[in-house]
Amino acid sequence: HLPCVAAHPRPGDTPILVVWYKDGARRPFYILDLRE
């Protein structure tokens, strides 16, 4: 299990995009789109 910082100190602000990279790669291996 790899934790991700998905909370921000500003109340009510929500994540809209979570992107994961491995070993300094420029291209992500996983994208979670939370918009709309």
Full PDB file with SEQRES, HELIX, SHEET, SSBOND, CRYST1, ORIGX, SCALE, CONECT and MASTER records, all heavy atoms in Angstrom:
SEQRES   1 A   36  HIS LEU PRO CYS VAL ALA ALA HIS PRO ARG PRO GLY ASP          
SEQRES   2 A   36  THR PRO ILE LEU VAL VAL TRP TYR LYS ASP GLY ALA ARG          
SEQRES   3 A   36  ARG PRO PHE TYR ILE LEU ASP LEU ARG GLU                      
SHEET    1 AA1 2 LEU A  17  TRP A  20  0                                        
SHEET    2 AA1 2 TYR A  30  ASP A  33 -1                                        
CRYST1    1.000    1.000    1.000  90.00  90.00  90.00 P 1           1          
ORIGX1      1.000000  0.000000  0.000000        0.00000                         
ORIGX2      0.000000  1.000000  0.000000        0.00000                         
ORIGX3      0.000000  0.000000  1.000000        0.00000                         
SCALE1      1.000000  0.000000  0.000000        0.00000                         
SCALE2      0.000000  1.000000  0.000000        0.00000                         
SCALE3      0.000000  0.000000  1.000000        0.00000                         
ATOM      1  N   HIS A   1       0.841  -1.191   0.000  1.00  0.00           N  
ATOM      2  CA  HIS A   1       0.000   0.000   0.000  1.00  0.00           C  
ATOM      3  C   HIS A   1       0.880   1.246   0.000  1.00  0.00           C  
ATOM      4  O   HIS A   1       1.706   1.423   0.885  1.00  0.00           O  
ATOM      5  CB  HIS A   1      -0.916   0.014   1.220  1.00  0.00           C  
ATOM      6  CG  HIS A   1      -1.718  -1.244   1.370  1.00  0.00           C  
ATOM      7  ND1 HIS A   1      -2.789  -1.533   0.555  1.00  0.00           N  
ATOM      8  CD2 HIS A   1      -1.590  -2.283   2.212  1.00  0.00           C  
ATOM      9  CE1 HIS A   1      -3.283  -2.700   0.910  1.00  0.00           C  
ATOM     10  NE2 HIS A   1      -2.571  -3.173   1.916  1.00  0.00           N  
ATOM     11  N   LEU A   2       0.684   2.116  -0.984  1.00  0.00           N  
ATOM     12  CA  LEU A   2       1.440   3.361  -1.090  1.00  0.00           C  
ATOM     13  C   LEU A   2       0.505   4.520  -0.783  1.00  0.00           C  
ATOM     14  O   LEU A   2      -0.463   4.749  -1.521  1.00  0.00           O  
ATOM     15  CB  LEU A   2       2.021   3.528  -2.494  1.00  0.00           C  
ATOM     16  CG  LEU A   2       3.197   2.629  -2.847  1.00  0.00           C  
ATOM     17  CD1 LEU A   2       2.741   1.231  -3.172  1.00  0.00           C  
ATOM     18  CD2 LEU A   2       3.938   3.213  -4.023  1.00  0.00           C  
ATOM     19  N   PRO A   3       0.782   5.263   0.294  1.00  0.00           N  
ATOM     20  CA  PRO A   3      -0.089   6.390   0.632  1.00  0.00           C  
ATOM     21  C   PRO A   3       0.156   7.576  -0.296  1.00  0.00           C  
ATOM     22  O   PRO A   3       1.243   7.759  -0.824  1.00  0.00           O  
ATOM     23  CB  PRO A   3       0.326   6.724   2.066  1.00  0.00           C  
ATOM     24  CG  PRO A   3       1.746   6.280   2.146  1.00  0.00           C  
ATOM     25  CD  PRO A   3       1.870   5.086   1.249  1.00  0.00           C  
ATOM     26  N   CYS A   4      -0.873   8.378  -0.469  1.00  0.00           N  
ATOM     27  CA  CYS A   4      -0.778   9.582  -1.290  1.00  0.00           C  
ATOM     28  C   CYS A   4      -1.373  10.758  -0.526  1.00  0.00           C  
ATOM     29  O   CYS A   4      -2.424  10.633   0.092  1.00  0.00           O  
ATOM     30  CB  CYS A   4      -1.542   9.391  -2.600  1.00  0.00           C  
ATOM     31  SG  CYS A   4      -1.491  10.835  -3.673  1.00  0.00           S  
ATOM     32  N   VAL A   5      -0.717  11.899  -0.580  1.00  0.00           N  
ATOM     33  CA  VAL A   5      -1.236  13.104   0.058  1.00  0.00           C  
ATOM     34  C   VAL A   5      -2.376  13.613  -0.818  1.00  0.00           C  
ATOM     35  O   VAL A   5      -2.143  14.198  -1.864  1.00  0.00           O  
ATOM     36  CB  VAL A   5      -0.140  14.185   0.188  1.00  0.00           C  
ATOM     37  CG1 VAL A   5      -0.713  15.442   0.807  1.00  0.00           C  
ATOM     38  CG2 VAL A   5       1.028  13.675   0.991  1.00  0.00           C  
ATOM     39  N   ALA A   6      -3.599  13.346  -0.388  1.00  0.00           N  
ATOM     40  CA  ALA A   6      -4.749  13.735  -1.203  1.00  0.00           C  
ATOM     41  C   ALA A   6      -5.652  14.712  -0.468  1.00  0.00           C  
ATOM     42  O   ALA A   6      -6.809  14.843  -0.788  1.00  0.00           O  
ATOM     43  CB  ALA A   6      -5.535  12.502  -1.627  1.00  0.00           C  
ATOM     44  N   ALA A   7      -5.126  15.366   0.524  1.00  0.00           N  
ATOM     45  CA  ALA A   7      -5.900  16.371   1.252  1.00  0.00           C  
ATOM     46  C   ALA A   7      -5.098  17.658   1.270  1.00  0.00           C  
ATOM     47  O   ALA A   7      -3.879  17.645   1.239  1.00  0.00           O  
ATOM     48  CB  ALA A   7      -6.164  15.901   2.674  1.00  0.00           C  
ATOM     49  N   HIS A   8      -5.796  18.746   1.285  1.00  0.00           N  
ATOM     50  CA  HIS A   8      -5.134  20.053   1.294  1.00  0.00           C  
ATOM     51  C   HIS A   8      -5.631  20.817   2.512  1.00  0.00           C  
ATOM     52  O   HIS A   8      -6.779  20.672   2.916  1.00  0.00           O  
ATOM     53  CB  HIS A   8      -5.430  20.819   0.002  1.00  0.00           C  
ATOM     54  CG  HIS A   8      -4.422  21.880  -0.252  1.00  0.00           C  
ATOM     55  ND1 HIS A   8      -4.494  23.123   0.305  1.00  0.00           N  
ATOM     56  CD2 HIS A   8      -3.285  21.865  -0.984  1.00  0.00           C  
ATOM     57  CE1 HIS A   8      -3.451  23.838  -0.084  1.00  0.00           C  
ATOM     58  NE2 HIS A   8      -2.709  23.098  -0.860  1.00  0.00           N  
ATOM     59  N   PRO A   9      -4.769  21.662   3.101  1.00  0.00           N  
ATOM     60  CA  PRO A   9      -5.190  22.380   4.307  1.00  0.00           C  
ATOM     61  C   PRO A   9      -6.371  23.329   4.093  1.00  0.00           C  
ATOM     62  O   PRO A   9      -7.061  23.672   5.038  1.00  0.00           O  
ATOM     63  CB  PRO A   9      -3.958  23.173   4.725  1.00  0.00           C  
ATOM     64  CG  PRO A   9      -2.893  22.900   3.738  1.00  0.00           C  
ATOM     65  CD  PRO A   9      -3.389  21.905   2.749  1.00  0.00           C  
ATOM     66  N   ARG A  10      -6.647  23.743   2.871  1.00  0.00           N  
ATOM     67  CA  ARG A  10      -7.761  24.656   2.626  1.00  0.00           C  
ATOM     68  C   ARG A  10      -9.084  23.895   2.718  1.00  0.00           C  
ATOM     69  O   ARG A  10      -9.330  22.979   1.936  1.00  0.00           O  
ATOM     70  CB  ARG A  10      -7.627  25.288   1.245  1.00  0.00           C  
ATOM     71  CG  ARG A  10      -8.753  26.283   0.968  1.00  0.00           C  
ATOM     72  CD  ARG A  10      -8.623  26.913  -0.385  1.00  0.00           C  
ATOM     73  NE  ARG A  10      -7.512  27.858  -0.345  1.00  0.00           N  
ATOM     74  CZ  ARG A  10      -7.061  28.508  -1.407  1.00  0.00           C  
ATOM     75  NH1 ARG A  10      -7.602  28.298  -2.579  1.00  0.00           N  
ATOM     76  NH2 ARG A  10      -6.059  29.342  -1.297  1.00  0.00           N  
ATOM     77  N   PRO A  11      -9.939  24.242   3.674  1.00  0.00           N  
ATOM     78  CA  PRO A  11     -11.210  23.525   3.848  1.00  0.00           C  
ATOM     79  C   PRO A  11     -12.073  23.606   2.582  1.00  0.00           C  
ATOM     80  O   PRO A  11     -12.154  24.646   1.935  1.00  0.00           O  
ATOM     81  CB  PRO A  11     -11.890  24.253   5.010  1.00  0.00           C  
ATOM     82  CG  PRO A  11     -10.827  25.080   5.665  1.00  0.00           C  
ATOM     83  CD  PRO A  11      -9.774  25.326   4.634  1.00  0.00           C  
ATOM     84  N   GLY A  12     -12.685  22.468   2.258  1.00  0.00           N  
ATOM     85  CA  GLY A  12     -13.613  22.434   1.134  1.00  0.00           C  
ATOM     86  C   GLY A  12     -12.973  22.234  -0.216  1.00  0.00           C  
ATOM     87  O   GLY A  12     -13.672  21.980  -1.192  1.00  0.00           O  
ATOM     88  N   ASP A  13     -11.648  22.368  -0.323  1.00  0.00           N  
ATOM     89  CA  ASP A  13     -10.992  22.160  -1.618  1.00  0.00           C  
ATOM     90  C   ASP A  13     -10.807  20.658  -1.840  1.00  0.00           C  
ATOM     91  O   ASP A  13     -10.332  19.942  -0.967  1.00  0.00           O  
ATOM     92  CB  ASP A  13      -9.637  22.871  -1.653  1.00  0.00           C  
ATOM     93  CG  ASP A  13      -9.178  23.115  -3.083  1.00  0.00           C  
ATOM     94  OD1 ASP A  13      -9.920  22.764  -4.021  1.00  0.00           O  
ATOM     95  OD2 ASP A  13      -8.071  23.642  -3.254  1.00  0.00           O  
ATOM     96  N   THR A  14     -11.216  20.184  -2.986  1.00  0.00           N  
ATOM     97  CA  THR A  14     -11.174  18.751  -3.256  1.00  0.00           C  
ATOM     98  C   THR A  14     -10.179  18.428  -4.372  1.00  0.00           C  
ATOM     99  O   THR A  14      -9.950  19.243  -5.274  1.00  0.00           O  
ATOM    100  CB  THR A  14     -12.561  18.238  -3.669  1.00  0.00           C  
ATOM    101  OG1 THR A  14     -12.987  18.977  -4.814  1.00  0.00           O  
ATOM    102  CG2 THR A  14     -13.567  18.408  -2.550  1.00  0.00           C  
ATOM    103  N   PRO A  15      -9.605  17.227  -4.318  1.00  0.00           N  
ATOM    104  CA  PRO A  15      -8.715  16.804  -5.399  1.00  0.00           C  
ATOM    105  C   PRO A  15      -9.510  16.606  -6.684  1.00  0.00           C  
ATOM    106  O   PRO A  15     -10.651  16.148  -6.656  1.00  0.00           O  
ATOM    107  CB  PRO A  15      -8.152  15.467  -4.920  1.00  0.00           C  
ATOM    108  CG  PRO A  15      -8.633  15.250  -3.542  1.00  0.00           C  
ATOM    109  CD  PRO A  15      -9.701  16.242  -3.254  1.00  0.00           C  
ATOM    110  N   ILE A  16      -8.907  16.970  -7.812  1.00  0.00           N  
ATOM    111  CA  ILE A  16      -9.565  16.756  -9.095  1.00  0.00           C  
ATOM    112  C   ILE A  16      -8.776  15.801  -9.990  1.00  0.00           C  
ATOM    113  O   ILE A  16      -9.318  15.254 -10.941  1.00  0.00           O  
ATOM    114  CB  ILE A  16      -9.822  18.087  -9.837  1.00  0.00           C  
ATOM    115  CG1 ILE A  16      -8.532  18.856 -10.062  1.00  0.00           C  
ATOM    116  CG2 ILE A  16     -10.863  18.910  -9.095  1.00  0.00           C  
ATOM    117  CD1 ILE A  16      -8.681  20.070 -10.979  1.00  0.00           C  
ATOM    118  N   LEU A  17      -7.477  15.623  -9.668  1.00  0.00           N  
ATOM    119  CA  LEU A  17      -6.642  14.749 -10.489  1.00  0.00           C  
ATOM    120  C   LEU A  17      -5.549  14.159  -9.610  1.00  0.00           C  
ATOM    121  O   LEU A  17      -4.869  14.884  -8.880  1.00  0.00           O  
ATOM    122  CB  LEU A  17      -6.018  15.555 -11.634  1.00  0.00           C  
ATOM    123  CG  LEU A  17      -5.397  14.791 -12.788  1.00  0.00           C  
ATOM    124  CD1 LEU A  17      -6.442  13.978 -13.539  1.00  0.00           C  
ATOM    125  CD2 LEU A  17      -4.718  15.764 -13.747  1.00  0.00           C  
ATOM    126  N   VAL A  18      -5.390  12.816  -9.651  1.00  0.00           N  
ATOM    127  CA  VAL A  18      -4.324  12.128  -8.923  1.00  0.00           C  
ATOM    128  C   VAL A  18      -3.495  11.396  -9.974  1.00  0.00           C  
ATOM    129  O   VAL A  18      -4.026  10.600 -10.748  1.00  0.00           O  
ATOM    130  CB  VAL A  18      -4.890  11.138  -7.883  1.00  0.00           C  
ATOM    131  CG1 VAL A  18      -3.762  10.429  -7.145  1.00  0.00           C  
ATOM    132  CG2 VAL A  18      -5.820  11.853  -6.908  1.00  0.00           C  
ATOM    133  N   VAL A  19      -2.187  11.679  -9.979  1.00  0.00           N  
ATOM    134  CA  VAL A  19      -1.295  11.126 -10.998  1.00  0.00           C  
ATOM    135  C   VAL A  19      -0.116  10.438 -10.298  1.00  0.00           C  
ATOM    136  O   VAL A  19       0.509  11.013  -9.415  1.00  0.00           O  
ATOM    137  CB  VAL A  19      -0.775  12.243 -11.939  1.00  0.00           C  
ATOM    138  CG1 VAL A  19       0.061  11.653 -13.060  1.00  0.00           C  
ATOM    139  CG2 VAL A  19      -1.931  13.065 -12.498  1.00  0.00           C  
ATOM    140  N   TRP A  20       0.197   9.201 -10.731  1.00  0.00           N  
ATOM    141  CA  TRP A  20       1.296   8.423 -10.153  1.00  0.00           C  
ATOM    142  C   TRP A  20       2.409   8.199 -11.172  1.00  0.00           C  
ATOM    143  O   TRP A  20       2.145   7.844 -12.323  1.00  0.00           O  
ATOM    144  CB  TRP A  20       0.799   7.056  -9.679  1.00  0.00           C  
ATOM    145  CG  TRP A  20       0.040   7.097  -8.399  1.00  0.00           C  
ATOM    146  CD1 TRP A  20      -1.303   7.265  -8.243  1.00  0.00           C  
ATOM    147  CD2 TRP A  20       0.580   6.956  -7.088  1.00  0.00           C  
ATOM    148  NE1 TRP A  20      -1.630   7.244  -6.909  1.00  0.00           N  
ATOM    149  CE2 TRP A  20      -0.487   7.040  -6.175  1.00  0.00           C  
ATOM    150  CE3 TRP A  20       1.874   6.752  -6.595  1.00  0.00           C  
ATOM    151  CZ2 TRP A  20      -0.307   6.941  -4.802  1.00  0.00           C  
ATOM    152  CZ3 TRP A  20       2.052   6.644  -5.226  1.00  0.00           C  
ATOM    153  CH2 TRP A  20       0.967   6.741  -4.351  1.00  0.00           C  
ATOM    154  N   TYR A  21       3.657   8.406 -10.711  1.00  0.00           N  
ATOM    155  CA  TYR A  21       4.854   8.182 -11.524  1.00  0.00           C  
ATOM    156  C   TYR A  21       5.760   7.206 -10.766  1.00  0.00           C  
ATOM    157  O   TYR A  21       5.701   7.119  -9.550  1.00  0.00           O  
ATOM    158  CB  TYR A  21       5.640   9.476 -11.718  1.00  0.00           C  
ATOM    159  CG  TYR A  21       4.870  10.604 -12.355  1.00  0.00           C  
ATOM    160  CD1 TYR A  21       4.089  11.462 -11.586  1.00  0.00           C  
ATOM    161  CD2 TYR A  21       4.944  10.826 -13.733  1.00  0.00           C  
ATOM    162  CE1 TYR A  21       3.399  12.514 -12.171  1.00  0.00           C  
ATOM    163  CE2 TYR A  21       4.258  11.880 -14.316  1.00  0.00           C  
ATOM    164  CZ  TYR A  21       3.478  12.718 -13.531  1.00  0.00           C  
ATOM    165  OH  TYR A  21       2.803  13.758 -14.111  1.00  0.00           O  
ATOM    166  N   LYS A  22       6.646   6.540 -11.500  1.00  0.00           N  
ATOM    167  CA  LYS A  22       7.619   5.644 -10.849  1.00  0.00           C  
ATOM    168  C   LYS A  22       9.025   5.954 -11.343  1.00  0.00           C  
ATOM    169  O   LYS A  22       9.245   6.125 -12.543  1.00  0.00           O  
ATOM    170  CB  LYS A  22       7.291   4.179 -11.136  1.00  0.00           C  
ATOM    171  CG  LYS A  22       8.243   3.226 -10.418  1.00  0.00           C  
ATOM    172  CD  LYS A  22       7.942   1.770 -10.701  1.00  0.00           C  
ATOM    173  CE  LYS A  22       8.980   0.916  -9.969  1.00  0.00           C  
ATOM    174  NZ  LYS A  22       9.253  -0.306 -10.627  1.00  0.00           N  
ATOM    175  N   ASP A  23       9.966   6.000 -10.399  1.00  0.00           N  
ATOM    176  CA  ASP A  23      11.393   6.143 -10.673  1.00  0.00           C  
ATOM    177  C   ASP A  23      11.733   7.310 -11.595  1.00  0.00           C  
ATOM    178  O   ASP A  23      12.560   7.186 -12.503  1.00  0.00           O  
ATOM    179  CB  ASP A  23      11.963   4.837 -11.248  1.00  0.00           C  
ATOM    180  CG  ASP A  23      11.952   3.711 -10.232  1.00  0.00           C  
ATOM    181  OD1 ASP A  23      12.032   3.999  -9.025  1.00  0.00           O  
ATOM    182  OD2 ASP A  23      11.865   2.533 -10.646  1.00  0.00           O  
ATOM    183  N   GLY A  24      11.105   8.446 -11.376  1.00  0.00           N  
ATOM    184  CA  GLY A  24      11.425   9.657 -12.122  1.00  0.00           C  
ATOM    185  C   GLY A  24      10.935   9.688 -13.559  1.00  0.00           C  
ATOM    186  O   GLY A  24      11.345  10.556 -14.340  1.00  0.00           O  
ATOM    187  N   ALA A  25      10.066   8.779 -13.932  1.00  0.00           N  
ATOM    188  CA  ALA A  25       9.542   8.749 -15.303  1.00  0.00           C  
ATOM    189  C   ALA A  25       8.773  10.037 -15.592  1.00  0.00           C  
ATOM    190  O   ALA A  25       8.151  10.617 -14.713  1.00  0.00           O  
ATOM    191  CB  ALA A  25       8.633   7.534 -15.495  1.00  0.00           C  
ATOM    192  N   ARG A  26       8.831  10.471 -16.826  1.00  0.00           N  
ATOM    193  CA  ARG A  26       8.085  11.670 -17.231  1.00  0.00           C  
ATOM    194  C   ARG A  26       6.630  11.338 -17.518  1.00  0.00           C  
ATOM    195  O   ARG A  26       5.760  12.187 -17.418  1.00  0.00           O  
ATOM    196  CB  ARG A  26       8.726  12.281 -18.473  1.00  0.00           C  
ATOM    197  CG  ARG A  26      10.151  12.724 -18.201  1.00  0.00           C  
ATOM    198  CD  ARG A  26      10.779  13.278 -19.428  1.00  0.00           C  
ATOM    199  NE  ARG A  26      11.018  14.693 -19.153  1.00  0.00           N  
ATOM    200  CZ  ARG A  26      11.167  15.605 -20.071  1.00  0.00           C  
ATOM    201  NH1 ARG A  26      11.120  15.284 -21.334  1.00  0.00           N  
ATOM    202  NH2 ARG A  26      11.382  16.850 -19.732  1.00  0.00           N  
ATOM    203  N   ARG A  27       6.380  10.102 -17.888  1.00  0.00           N  
ATOM    204  CA  ARG A  27       5.022   9.669 -18.211  1.00  0.00           C  
ATOM    205  C   ARG A  27       4.446   8.891 -17.032  1.00  0.00           C  
ATOM    206  O   ARG A  27       5.059   7.953 -16.529  1.00  0.00           O  
ATOM    207  CB  ARG A  27       5.059   8.782 -19.449  1.00  0.00           C  
ATOM    208  CG  ARG A  27       3.710   8.341 -19.886  1.00  0.00           C  
ATOM    209  CD  ARG A  27       3.791   7.542 -21.150  1.00  0.00           C  
ATOM    210  NE  ARG A  27       2.462   7.010 -21.409  1.00  0.00           N  
ATOM    211  CZ  ARG A  27       2.132   6.384 -22.493  1.00  0.00           C  
ATOM    212  NH1 ARG A  27       3.013   6.196 -23.438  1.00  0.00           N  
ATOM    213  NH2 ARG A  27       0.917   5.933 -22.648  1.00  0.00           N  
ATOM    214  N   PRO A  28       3.239   9.258 -16.570  1.00  0.00           N  
ATOM    215  CA  PRO A  28       2.643   8.555 -15.435  1.00  0.00           C  
ATOM    216  C   PRO A  28       2.210   7.142 -15.818  1.00  0.00           C  
ATOM    217  O   PRO A  28       1.908   6.869 -16.972  1.00  0.00           O  
ATOM    218  CB  PRO A  28       1.434   9.417 -15.077  1.00  0.00           C  
ATOM    219  CG  PRO A  28       1.093  10.133 -16.329  1.00  0.00           C  
ATOM    220  CD  PRO A  28       2.381  10.332 -17.077  1.00  0.00           C  
ATOM    221  N   PHE A  29       2.168   6.262 -14.810  1.00  0.00           N  
ATOM    222  CA  PHE A  29       1.647   4.913 -15.062  1.00  0.00           C  
ATOM    223  C   PHE A  29       0.184   4.810 -14.655  1.00  0.00           C  
ATOM    224  O   PHE A  29      -0.500   3.858 -15.008  1.00  0.00           O  
ATOM    225  CB  PHE A  29       2.495   3.839 -14.366  1.00  0.00           C  
ATOM    226  CG  PHE A  29       2.423   3.852 -12.865  1.00  0.00           C  
ATOM    227  CD1 PHE A  29       1.443   3.145 -12.199  1.00  0.00           C  
ATOM    228  CD2 PHE A  29       3.343   4.569 -12.129  1.00  0.00           C  
ATOM    229  CE1 PHE A  29       1.380   3.155 -10.816  1.00  0.00           C  
ATOM    230  CE2 PHE A  29       3.296   4.576 -10.744  1.00  0.00           C  
ATOM    231  CZ  PHE A  29       2.311   3.870 -10.085  1.00  0.00           C  
ATOM    232  N   TYR A  30      -0.323   5.827 -13.914  1.00  0.00           N  
ATOM    233  CA  TYR A  30      -1.718   5.793 -13.498  1.00  0.00           C  
ATOM    234  C   TYR A  30      -2.246   7.210 -13.312  1.00  0.00           C  
ATOM    235  O   TYR A  30      -1.570   8.059 -12.745  1.00  0.00           O  
ATOM    236  CB  TYR A  30      -1.862   5.024 -12.174  1.00  0.00           C  
ATOM    237  CG  TYR A  30      -3.300   4.848 -11.751  1.00  0.00           C  
ATOM    238  CD1 TYR A  30      -4.084   3.843 -12.300  1.00  0.00           C  
ATOM    239  CD2 TYR A  30      -3.878   5.698 -10.822  1.00  0.00           C  
ATOM    240  CE1 TYR A  30      -5.404   3.689 -11.932  1.00  0.00           C  
ATOM    241  CE2 TYR A  30      -5.195   5.552 -10.446  1.00  0.00           C  
ATOM    242  CZ  TYR A  30      -5.959   4.543 -11.007  1.00  0.00           C  
ATOM    243  OH  TYR A  30      -7.267   4.402 -10.648  1.00  0.00           O  
ATOM    244  N   ILE A  31      -3.483   7.438 -13.793  1.00  0.00           N  
ATOM    245  CA  ILE A  31      -4.152   8.732 -13.631  1.00  0.00           C  
ATOM    246  C   ILE A  31      -5.568   8.467 -13.134  1.00  0.00           C  
ATOM    247  O   ILE A  31      -6.282   7.630 -13.690  1.00  0.00           O  
ATOM    248  CB  ILE A  31      -4.224   9.513 -14.965  1.00  0.00           C  
ATOM    249  CG1 ILE A  31      -2.824   9.824 -15.482  1.00  0.00           C  
ATOM    250  CG2 ILE A  31      -5.033  10.787 -14.787  1.00  0.00           C  
ATOM    251  CD1 ILE A  31      -2.817  10.403 -16.894  1.00  0.00           C  
ATOM    252  N   LEU A  32      -5.956   9.190 -12.080  1.00  0.00           N  
ATOM    253  CA  LEU A  32      -7.330   9.129 -11.572  1.00  0.00           C  
ATOM    254  C   LEU A  32      -7.929  10.521 -11.755  1.00  0.00           C  
ATOM    255  O   LEU A  32      -7.490  11.482 -11.137  1.00  0.00           O  
ATOM    256  CB  LEU A  32      -7.342   8.723 -10.102  1.00  0.00           C  
ATOM    257  CG  LEU A  32      -8.714   8.675  -9.416  1.00  0.00           C  
ATOM    258  CD1 LEU A  32      -9.606   7.621 -10.071  1.00  0.00           C  
ATOM    259  CD2 LEU A  32      -8.547   8.385  -7.935  1.00  0.00           C  
ATOM    260  N   ASP A  33      -8.909  10.627 -12.609  1.00  0.00           N  
ATOM    261  CA  ASP A  33      -9.551  11.908 -12.919  1.00  0.00           C  
ATOM    262  C   ASP A  33     -10.826  12.029 -12.097  1.00  0.00           C  
ATOM    263  O   ASP A  33     -11.765  11.254 -12.271  1.00  0.00           O  
ATOM    264  CB  ASP A  33      -9.866  11.957 -14.415  1.00  0.00           C  
ATOM    265  CG  ASP A  33     -10.378  13.307 -14.870  1.00  0.00           C  
ATOM    266  OD1 ASP A  33     -10.737  14.138 -14.009  1.00  0.00           O  
ATOM    267  OD2 ASP A  33     -10.425  13.529 -16.091  1.00  0.00           O  
ATOM    268  N   LEU A  34     -10.856  13.000 -11.180  1.00  0.00           N  
ATOM    269  CA  LEU A  34     -12.001  13.186 -10.278  1.00  0.00           C  
ATOM    270  C   LEU A  34     -12.854  14.398 -10.659  1.00  0.00           C  
ATOM    271  O   LEU A  34     -13.729  14.799  -9.900  1.00  0.00           O  
ATOM    272  CB  LEU A  34     -11.493  13.335  -8.834  1.00  0.00           C  
ATOM    273  CG  LEU A  34     -10.718  12.136  -8.297  1.00  0.00           C  
ATOM    274  CD1 LEU A  34      -9.985  12.498  -7.018  1.00  0.00           C  
ATOM    275  CD2 LEU A  34     -11.638  10.961  -8.072  1.00  0.00           C  
ATOM    276  N   ARG A  35     -12.624  14.975 -11.827  1.00  0.00           N  
ATOM    277  CA  ARG A  35     -13.412  16.129 -12.256  1.00  0.00           C  
ATOM    278  C   ARG A  35     -14.826  15.702 -12.633  1.00  0.00           C  
ATOM    279  O   ARG A  35     -15.072  14.540 -12.916  1.00  0.00           O  
ATOM    280  CB  ARG A  35     -12.742  16.804 -13.461  1.00  0.00           C  
ATOM    281  CG  ARG A  35     -11.427  17.447 -13.102  1.00  0.00           C  
ATOM    282  CD  ARG A  35     -10.745  17.991 -14.306  1.00  0.00           C  
ATOM    283  NE  ARG A  35     -10.166  16.858 -15.044  1.00  0.00           N  
ATOM    284  CZ  ARG A  35      -9.214  16.966 -15.925  1.00  0.00           C  
ATOM    285  NH1 ARG A  35      -8.727  18.140 -16.229  1.00  0.00           N  
ATOM    286  NH2 ARG A  35      -8.732  15.910 -16.536  1.00  0.00           N  
ATOM    287  N   GLU A  36     -15.725  16.631 -12.610  1.00  0.00           N  
ATOM    288  CA  GLU A  36     -17.120  16.433 -13.011  1.00  0.00           C  
ATOM    289  C   GLU A  36     -17.850  15.424 -12.130  1.00  0.00           C  
ATOM    290  O   GLU A  36     -18.777  14.750 -12.583  1.00  0.00           O  
ATOM    291  CB  GLU A  36     -17.215  16.024 -14.482  1.00  0.00           C  
ATOM    292  CG  GLU A  36     -16.620  17.073 -15.411  1.00  0.00           C  
ATOM    293  CD  GLU A  36     -16.627  16.623 -16.855  1.00  0.00           C  
ATOM    294  OE1 GLU A  36     -17.390  15.704 -17.201  1.00  0.00           O  
ATOM    295  OE2 GLU A  36     -15.868  17.208 -17.631  1.00  0.00           O  
TER     296      GLU A  36                                                      
MASTER        0    0    0    0    2    0    0    6  295    1    0    3          
END                                                                             
